[in-house]
Amino acid sequence: MHEQPTGPLSGIRVLDLTRVVMGPFATQILADQGADVVMIEAATGDTNRVMGPGPAPQFSGVSLNLLRNKRSLALDLKDPGQSALVRGLVEDADVVVATMLPGTLRRLGLDYTAVREINPGVVYCQAQGWPLGSGAEDFPAYDDIIQSATGVGDMMDRVAGEPALLPTILADKVCALALAQAVTAALFHRARTGEGQHVEVPMVQAMTAFMLAEHGAGAIPEPPTPQGDLPPTGYPRVMTPERRPQRTADGWIQILPYHPQHFFAIFTDAGETQLLEDPRFADLASTIRNAAQLYPLMRDIVKRRTTGEWLDFCRSAGIPAVRMATLQDLVDDLPLAEHPVAGSYRVLPPTANFSATPANVRRPAPNVGEHTAQALDGGPVWDERSPV
């Protein structure tokens, strides 16, 4: 590792005041894309360092990728001398990303008003559960809270018969992507105008936009547009427990007959010609509306062949299909790298591929406070900026 950054954000300095997953995932994306990221941790390390098992005390499997391409300063932000060091970093930063509660940032003198006094051109991006000025901005917000506040529990109730949360930290990761995109948009604006700005990503706002992109459905028009006997909210094709992988003769597959001709091809090949005149296949709108009845018909047919046979058939017929992968399958496909403390580990891929400015992993996840002594001694914290 220790390669030079090659990504499109090479030369951009990011001060990372985030923790757990949402903020660190956003800054990992920026770091992979070339940004020089310095994160501030407590002396005990961030929560992601103990999220699940790992090969060394400071390195969970989560943190080995989430903290890559970053430097770590373990600082007490309530200590005047150490907070002065952070303000010095603010002065040289292009971007500050913060996920502390707004009240905490104000008390530490690290809210946007204070940071702008130090560095007027900074892009300051903060995320918290609810919008600033809502009266709820200082309410604690974890993924479970935001999923429940933005319709995930209701969606699962309608599909599974009981409210539930998706078994992934969906809100944190969606909002991380929103954070990273917002930072690059603000940097683009600054490149054109020289103007920094305050960017806010309220989690409930980002997740509401995410959830209602399709599930606003017939409730978005005013007055609402009926969906037959279905509620106006919810995209019918996916709001059914019948939307799930299908069992084959020897395993599991996901076949998605999306257009009527896909259903026709499967039913014709299976000899179920009596289904070809079914009005539920009349057009694309009908197949979407009647997915809950159509998918069970598919399930009975899929059991008749092996996964490989179905993949061959679907490929020849132009029907979307894929063998169901396990989480372990995904891990097994990842490349290996060596960490100086943790040893061999699997490297997660970047979120995007750039032809001219490829993302790269050039620095392993740091020990807690690995770069603190150098910073306190007045040594350089940031990389030297490459000449433009």
Protein backbone atom coordinates (compact mmCIF):
# COMPACT_ATOMS: atom_id res chain seq x y z
CA MET A 1 0.00 0.00 0.00
CA HIS A 2 1.13 3.64 0.48
CA GLU A 3 0.54 4.31 -3.18
CA GLN A 4 -0.18 7.82 -4.32
CA PRO A 5 -3.89 8.69 -4.55
CA THR A 6 -5.20 8.31 -8.08
CA GLY A 7 -8.88 9.10 -7.57
CA PRO A 8 -10.79 12.18 -8.74
CA LEU A 9 -10.63 13.73 -5.24
CA SER A 10 -6.83 13.58 -5.00
CA GLY A 11 -5.60 16.68 -3.16
CA ILE A 12 -8.89 17.30 -1.31
CA ARG A 13 -8.47 17.38 2.46
CA VAL A 14 -11.31 15.99 4.60
CA LEU A 15 -11.56 16.37 8.37
CA ASP A 16 -13.68 13.45 9.60
CA LEU A 17 -15.73 14.11 12.75
CA THR A 18 -17.92 11.06 12.35
CA ARG A 19 -18.42 7.72 14.04
CA VAL A 20 -20.02 4.25 13.89
CA VAL A 21 -20.96 3.53 10.20
CA MET A 22 -22.87 6.30 8.41
CA GLY A 23 -20.17 8.96 8.52
CA PRO A 24 -17.17 6.61 8.31
CA PHE A 25 -18.67 4.88 5.25
CA ALA A 26 -19.17 8.28 3.58
CA THR A 27 -15.59 9.33 4.30
CA GLN A 28 -14.30 5.91 3.19
CA ILE A 29 -15.91 6.56 -0.19
CA LEU A 30 -14.25 9.98 -0.36
CA ALA A 31 -10.92 8.51 0.75
CA ASP A 32 -11.09 5.69 -1.81
CA GLN A 33 -11.69 8.36 -4.44
CA GLY A 34 -8.43 10.05 -3.49
CA ALA A 35 -9.32 12.45 -0.66
CA ASP A 36 -6.82 12.90 2.19
CA VAL A 37 -8.93 11.99 5.24
CA VAL A 38 -7.94 12.66 8.86
CA MET A 39 -10.41 11.26 11.39
CA ILE A 40 -10.74 12.28 15.02
CA GLU A 41 -11.37 9.41 17.44
CA ALA A 42 -11.75 9.06 21.17
CA ALA A 43 -8.84 7.36 22.93
CA THR A 44 -10.99 4.22 23.23
CA GLY A 45 -11.54 4.09 19.47
CA ASP A 46 -14.69 4.29 17.42
CA THR A 47 -17.63 1.91 17.84
CA ASN A 48 -17.00 0.30 14.46
CA ARG A 49 -13.74 -1.10 15.82
CA VAL A 50 -15.71 -3.50 18.04
CA MET A 51 -18.66 -4.22 15.71
CA GLY A 52 -18.24 -7.97 15.45
CA PRO A 53 -15.13 -10.13 15.62
CA GLY A 54 -11.73 -9.30 14.25
CA PRO A 55 -8.14 -10.51 14.24
CA ALA A 56 -6.80 -7.84 16.62
CA PRO A 57 -8.30 -5.83 19.51
CA GLN A 58 -8.63 -2.58 17.54
CA PHE A 59 -9.70 -4.14 14.28
CA SER A 60 -13.08 -5.72 13.72
CA GLY A 61 -13.79 -7.05 10.26
CA VAL A 62 -15.97 -3.97 9.81
CA SER A 63 -13.28 -1.44 10.65
CA LEU A 64 -10.59 -2.96 8.41
CA ASN A 65 -12.39 -1.58 5.36
CA LEU A 66 -14.39 1.27 6.88
CA LEU A 67 -11.27 3.03 8.18
CA ARG A 68 -8.94 2.38 5.25
CA ASN A 69 -7.18 5.27 3.51
CA LYS A 70 -7.48 7.43 6.66
CA ARG A 71 -5.26 8.75 9.43
CA SER A 72 -6.39 8.56 13.06
CA LEU A 73 -5.92 11.22 15.71
CA ALA A 74 -7.10 10.23 19.18
CA LEU A 75 -8.00 13.56 20.76
CA ASP A 76 -10.09 14.88 23.63
CA LEU A 77 -12.12 17.65 22.01
CA LYS A 78 -12.87 19.15 25.45
CA ASP A 79 -9.16 19.70 26.08
CA PRO A 80 -8.22 23.26 25.03
CA GLY A 81 -4.85 22.32 23.58
CA GLN A 82 -6.17 19.39 21.60
CA SER A 83 -9.21 21.28 20.38
CA ALA A 84 -6.82 23.98 19.15
CA LEU A 85 -5.11 21.31 17.06
CA VAL A 86 -8.46 20.41 15.51
CA ARG A 87 -9.13 24.05 14.70
CA GLY A 88 -5.76 24.14 12.95
CA LEU A 89 -6.87 21.18 10.85
CA VAL A 90 -10.12 23.00 10.05
CA GLU A 91 -8.08 25.91 8.71
CA ASP A 92 -6.39 23.69 6.12
CA ALA A 93 -9.37 21.43 5.31
CA ASP A 94 -11.44 21.55 2.16
CA VAL A 95 -14.24 19.52 3.74
CA VAL A 96 -15.48 18.86 7.27
CA VAL A 97 -17.87 15.94 7.72
CA ALA A 98 -19.62 15.70 11.09
CA THR A 99 -22.25 13.35 12.51
CA MET A 100 -22.17 14.45 16.14
CA LEU A 101 -25.41 15.91 17.49
CA PRO A 102 -25.77 19.61 16.61
CA GLY A 103 -25.77 20.65 20.28
CA THR A 104 -22.51 18.78 20.85
CA LEU A 105 -20.90 20.44 17.84
CA ARG A 106 -21.94 23.88 19.14
CA ARG A 107 -20.53 23.19 22.61
CA LEU A 108 -17.24 22.03 21.10
CA GLY A 109 -17.03 25.06 18.81
CA LEU A 110 -17.19 22.82 15.74
CA ASP A 111 -20.58 23.76 14.29
CA TYR A 112 -20.73 25.41 10.89
CA THR A 113 -20.86 28.96 12.27
CA ALA A 114 -17.64 28.42 14.23
CA VAL A 115 -15.88 26.49 11.46
CA ARG A 116 -16.77 29.11 8.83
CA GLU A 117 -15.07 31.78 10.97
CA ILE A 118 -11.87 29.78 10.69
CA ASN A 119 -12.23 28.71 7.07
CA PRO A 120 -14.85 30.61 5.02
CA GLY A 121 -14.36 28.43 1.94
CA VAL A 122 -14.92 25.12 3.69
CA VAL A 123 -17.55 22.62 2.57
CA TYR A 124 -19.16 21.65 5.87
CA CYS A 125 -21.38 18.59 5.63
CA GLN A 126 -23.27 17.36 8.68
CA ALA A 127 -25.81 14.63 9.21
CA GLN A 128 -28.15 13.93 12.09
CA GLY A 129 -31.50 12.23 12.50
CA TRP A 130 -33.88 15.15 12.01
CA PRO A 131 -33.54 18.52 10.23
CA LEU A 132 -31.91 21.48 11.92
CA GLY A 133 -34.58 23.79 13.30
CA SER A 134 -37.12 20.97 13.65
CA GLY A 135 -36.80 20.83 17.43
CA ALA A 136 -35.78 17.17 17.10
CA GLU A 137 -32.27 17.67 15.69
CA ASP A 138 -30.63 16.64 18.98
CA PHE A 139 -32.69 13.46 19.40
CA PRO A 140 -30.43 10.38 19.25
CA ALA A 141 -30.85 8.64 15.90
CA TYR A 142 -29.59 5.17 15.15
CA ASP A 143 -30.41 3.03 12.14
CA ASP A 144 -33.23 1.20 13.97
CA ILE A 145 -34.83 4.53 14.90
CA ILE A 146 -34.63 5.96 11.39
CA GLN A 147 -35.89 2.78 9.72
CA SER A 148 -38.93 2.87 12.00
CA ALA A 149 -39.44 6.60 11.42
CA THR A 150 -39.40 6.30 7.63
CA GLY A 151 -41.82 3.50 6.87
CA VAL A 152 -39.58 0.43 6.87
CA GLY A 153 -41.52 -1.17 9.73
CA ASP A 154 -44.83 -0.48 7.97
CA MET A 155 -43.50 -1.86 4.69
CA MET A 156 -42.46 -5.07 6.43
CA ASP A 157 -45.81 -5.30 8.23
CA ARG A 158 -47.63 -5.21 4.91
CA VAL A 159 -45.34 -7.86 3.43
CA ALA A 160 -44.74 -10.17 6.41
CA GLY A 161 -47.78 -9.51 8.62
CA GLU A 162 -45.80 -7.92 11.43
CA PRO A 163 -43.63 -4.79 11.70
CA ALA A 164 -39.94 -5.58 11.30
CA LEU A 165 -36.66 -3.92 10.38
CA LEU A 166 -34.50 -4.96 7.47
CA PRO A 167 -31.52 -6.97 8.79
CA THR A 168 -28.97 -4.48 7.51
CA ILE A 169 -28.17 -0.96 8.66
CA LEU A 170 -30.05 0.39 5.69
CA ALA A 171 -30.57 3.98 6.83
CA ASP A 172 -26.94 4.47 7.84
CA LYS A 173 -25.66 3.24 4.48
CA VAL A 174 -28.22 5.09 2.36
CA CYS A 175 -27.41 8.30 4.21
CA ALA A 176 -23.67 7.64 3.83
CA LEU A 177 -24.13 7.57 0.07
CA ALA A 178 -26.17 10.79 0.28
CA LEU A 179 -23.42 12.39 2.37
CA ALA A 180 -20.66 11.46 -0.06
CA GLN A 181 -22.67 12.68 -3.05
CA ALA A 182 -23.54 15.95 -1.31
CA VAL A 183 -19.88 16.61 -0.50
CA THR A 184 -18.79 16.14 -4.11
CA ALA A 185 -21.66 18.32 -5.38
CA ALA A 186 -20.63 21.11 -3.00
CA LEU A 187 -16.99 20.74 -4.04
CA PHE A 188 -18.05 21.08 -7.68
CA HIS A 189 -19.90 24.29 -6.81
CA ARG A 190 -16.83 25.59 -4.97
CA ALA A 191 -14.59 24.76 -7.93
CA ARG A 192 -16.80 26.89 -10.16
CA THR A 193 -17.44 29.79 -7.77
CA GLY A 194 -14.91 29.63 -4.92
CA GLU A 195 -17.80 29.51 -2.46
CA GLY A 196 -17.94 27.06 0.43
CA GLN A 197 -21.24 26.16 2.03
CA HIS A 198 -23.15 24.33 4.72
CA VAL A 199 -24.62 20.99 3.59
CA GLU A 200 -27.08 19.14 5.80
CA VAL A 201 -28.24 15.53 5.37
CA PRO A 202 -31.09 14.85 7.82
CA MET A 203 -31.45 11.06 7.91
CA VAL A 204 -35.26 11.08 7.95
CA GLN A 205 -35.27 13.36 4.91
CA ALA A 206 -32.84 11.24 2.89
CA MET A 207 -34.59 8.02 3.86
CA THR A 208 -38.05 9.44 3.11
CA ALA A 209 -36.87 10.33 -0.39
CA PHE A 210 -35.36 6.85 -0.72
CA MET A 211 -38.42 4.96 0.55
CA LEU A 212 -41.03 6.94 -1.37
CA ALA A 213 -39.17 6.93 -4.70
CA GLU A 214 -41.36 3.95 -5.62
CA HIS A 215 -43.52 3.40 -2.53
CA GLY A 216 -45.15 6.84 -2.78
CA ALA A 217 -46.98 5.17 -5.67
CA GLY A 218 -50.61 6.24 -6.03
CA ALA A 219 -50.45 8.45 -2.93
CA ILE A 220 -48.17 10.99 -4.59
CA PRO A 221 -50.80 12.55 -6.91
CA GLU A 222 -53.33 14.78 -5.15
CA PRO A 223 -55.97 13.52 -4.90
CA PRO A 224 -54.47 10.02 -4.67
CA THR A 225 -54.79 7.67 -7.62
CA PRO A 226 -56.47 4.36 -6.66
CA GLN A 227 -54.58 1.08 -7.00
CA GLY A 228 -57.60 -1.20 -7.14
CA ASP A 229 -58.15 -2.75 -3.72
CA LEU A 230 -54.55 -1.99 -2.66
CA PRO A 231 -53.52 0.97 -0.45
CA PRO A 232 -52.41 4.05 -2.42
CA THR A 233 -48.86 3.75 -1.01
CA GLY A 234 -46.57 0.90 -1.96
CA TYR A 235 -45.28 -0.37 -5.30
CA PRO A 236 -47.40 -3.50 -5.85
CA ARG A 237 -44.79 -5.67 -7.53
CA VAL A 238 -42.49 -5.59 -4.52
CA MET A 239 -45.08 -5.26 -1.74
CA THR A 240 -45.80 -8.97 -1.60
CA PRO A 241 -44.26 -11.86 0.36
CA GLU A 242 -44.30 -13.78 -2.92
CA ARG A 243 -41.37 -11.69 -4.18
CA ARG A 244 -38.48 -13.88 -3.10
CA PRO A 245 -35.98 -16.37 -4.52
CA GLN A 246 -37.43 -19.57 -5.98
CA ARG A 247 -36.41 -23.12 -5.09
CA THR A 248 -35.13 -25.17 -8.00
CA ALA A 249 -34.59 -28.93 -8.21
CA ASP A 250 -31.14 -28.48 -6.65
CA GLY A 251 -30.89 -25.07 -5.03
CA TRP A 252 -32.15 -21.49 -5.21
CA ILE A 253 -32.46 -18.96 -8.01
CA GLN A 254 -33.98 -15.55 -8.58
CA ILE A 255 -35.91 -15.39 -11.83
CA LEU A 256 -37.63 -12.10 -12.62
CA PRO A 257 -40.14 -12.36 -15.46
CA TYR A 258 -40.72 -8.63 -15.71
CA HIS A 259 -42.52 -8.21 -19.03
CA PRO A 260 -45.51 -10.26 -20.24
CA GLN A 261 -43.38 -11.95 -22.90
CA HIS A 262 -41.13 -13.29 -20.15
CA PHE A 263 -44.10 -15.02 -18.52
CA PHE A 264 -45.27 -16.28 -21.92
CA ALA A 265 -41.84 -17.81 -22.63
CA ILE A 266 -41.72 -19.62 -19.28
CA PHE A 267 -45.31 -20.89 -19.41
CA THR A 268 -45.00 -22.01 -23.03
CA ASP A 269 -41.79 -23.89 -22.35
CA ALA A 270 -43.35 -25.49 -19.25
CA GLY A 271 -46.42 -26.61 -21.21
CA GLU A 272 -48.75 -24.38 -19.17
CA THR A 273 -50.43 -22.99 -22.27
CA GLN A 274 -53.75 -22.45 -20.47
CA LEU A 275 -52.09 -19.47 -18.74
CA LEU A 276 -51.30 -17.65 -21.97
CA GLU A 277 -54.78 -16.12 -22.17
CA ASP A 278 -54.78 -15.01 -18.54
CA PRO A 279 -55.74 -11.28 -18.44
CA ARG A 280 -53.22 -10.75 -15.64
CA PHE A 281 -50.55 -10.85 -18.37
CA ALA A 282 -52.31 -8.43 -20.69
CA ASP A 283 -49.63 -5.74 -20.40
CA LEU A 284 -46.78 -4.55 -18.17
CA ALA A 285 -49.11 -2.63 -15.86
CA SER A 286 -51.15 -5.81 -15.33
CA THR A 287 -48.13 -7.94 -14.47
CA ILE A 288 -46.95 -5.31 -11.96
CA ARG A 289 -50.40 -5.00 -10.39
CA ASN A 290 -50.93 -8.78 -10.15
CA ALA A 291 -47.43 -9.84 -9.07
CA ALA A 292 -48.75 -11.37 -5.85
CA GLN A 293 -50.79 -13.89 -7.89
CA LEU A 294 -48.25 -14.45 -10.67
CA TYR A 295 -45.16 -15.22 -8.62
CA PRO A 296 -46.67 -18.35 -6.97
CA LEU A 297 -47.45 -19.73 -10.44
CA MET A 298 -43.79 -19.25 -11.27
CA ARG A 299 -42.65 -20.96 -8.09
CA ASP A 300 -44.42 -24.21 -8.93
CA ILE A 301 -42.80 -24.31 -12.38
CA VAL A 302 -39.27 -23.42 -11.21
CA LYS A 303 -39.11 -26.51 -8.97
CA ARG A 304 -39.07 -28.73 -12.06
CA ARG A 305 -35.53 -27.91 -13.21
CA THR A 306 -32.08 -27.41 -11.76
CA THR A 307 -30.58 -24.00 -11.20
CA GLY A 308 -28.15 -24.47 -14.08
CA GLU A 309 -30.94 -25.49 -16.47
CA TRP A 310 -32.96 -22.42 -15.54
CA LEU A 311 -29.98 -20.11 -15.95
CA ASP A 312 -29.39 -21.50 -19.44
CA PHE A 313 -33.05 -21.14 -20.38
CA CYS A 314 -33.39 -17.61 -19.02
CA ARG A 315 -30.21 -16.50 -20.75
CA SER A 316 -31.48 -17.77 -24.09
CA ALA A 317 -34.91 -16.21 -23.55
CA GLY A 318 -33.59 -12.84 -22.32
CA ILE A 319 -35.19 -13.23 -18.88
CA PRO A 320 -33.33 -11.71 -15.89
CA ALA A 321 -32.10 -14.51 -13.61
CA VAL A 322 -29.24 -15.17 -11.20
CA ARG A 323 -28.13 -17.92 -8.86
CA MET A 324 -28.83 -16.85 -5.26
CA ALA A 325 -25.54 -15.88 -3.63
CA THR A 326 -24.82 -16.23 0.07
CA LEU A 327 -23.02 -13.57 2.07
CA GLN A 328 -20.09 -15.98 2.25
CA ASP A 329 -20.08 -16.23 -1.55
CA LEU A 330 -19.61 -12.47 -1.72
CA VAL A 331 -16.75 -12.57 0.78
CA ASP A 332 -15.05 -15.44 -1.05
CA ASP A 333 -14.94 -13.36 -4.24
CA LEU A 334 -13.08 -10.47 -2.59
CA PRO A 335 -9.33 -9.96 -3.08
CA LEU A 336 -6.89 -10.34 -0.20
CA ALA A 337 -4.60 -7.69 1.25
CA GLU A 338 -2.18 -7.56 4.18
CA HIS A 339 -2.69 -5.32 7.20
CA PRO A 340 0.43 -4.60 9.30
CA VAL A 341 -1.38 -5.48 12.55
CA ALA A 342 -4.41 -7.57 11.59
CA GLY A 343 -2.77 -9.70 8.90
CA SER A 344 -4.65 -10.93 5.84
CA TYR A 345 -8.10 -9.51 5.21
CA ARG A 346 -10.64 -9.24 2.42
CA VAL A 347 -10.89 -5.87 0.67
CA LEU A 348 -14.34 -4.50 -0.12
CA PRO A 349 -14.69 -2.97 -3.59
CA PRO A 350 -15.03 0.77 -4.20
CA THR A 351 -18.54 2.05 -4.85
CA ALA A 352 -17.69 3.31 -8.34
CA ASN A 353 -15.12 2.72 -11.08
CA PHE A 354 -13.42 5.67 -12.79
CA SER A 355 -11.64 5.12 -16.10
CA ALA A 356 -9.30 8.11 -15.88
CA THR A 357 -9.00 8.52 -12.10
CA PRO A 358 -9.40 5.08 -10.48
CA ALA A 359 -10.12 4.72 -6.78
CA ASN A 360 -7.44 2.86 -4.83
CA VAL A 361 -6.69 1.45 -1.39
CA ARG A 362 -3.34 2.95 -0.47
CA ARG A 363 -3.35 3.09 3.33
CA PRO A 364 -4.47 0.36 5.77
CA ALA A 365 -6.94 1.12 8.56
CA PRO A 366 -4.91 2.90 11.27
CA ASN A 367 -4.47 1.98 14.92
CA VAL A 368 -6.46 4.16 17.31
CA GLY A 369 -4.58 7.47 17.42
CA GLU A 370 -1.76 6.18 15.23
CA HIS A 371 -0.94 9.67 13.99
CA THR A 372 -1.66 11.63 17.21
CA ALA A 373 1.91 12.00 18.48
CA GLN A 374 3.09 13.33 15.14
CA ALA A 375 0.30 15.89 15.11
CA LEU A 376 0.85 16.99 18.72
CA ASP A 377 4.56 17.41 17.99
CA GLY A 378 3.72 19.81 15.18
CA GLY A 379 4.50 17.38 12.40
CA PRO A 380 2.56 17.27 9.14
CA VAL A 381 -0.87 15.67 9.30
CA TRP A 382 -2.03 16.13 5.74
CA ASP A 383 -0.30 14.89 2.63
CA GLU A 384 1.43 17.55 0.57
CA ARG A 385 -0.90 18.90 -2.08
CA SER A 386 0.13 17.95 -5.59
CA PRO A 387 0.78 20.97 -7.82
CA VAL A 388 -2.19 21.70 -10.06
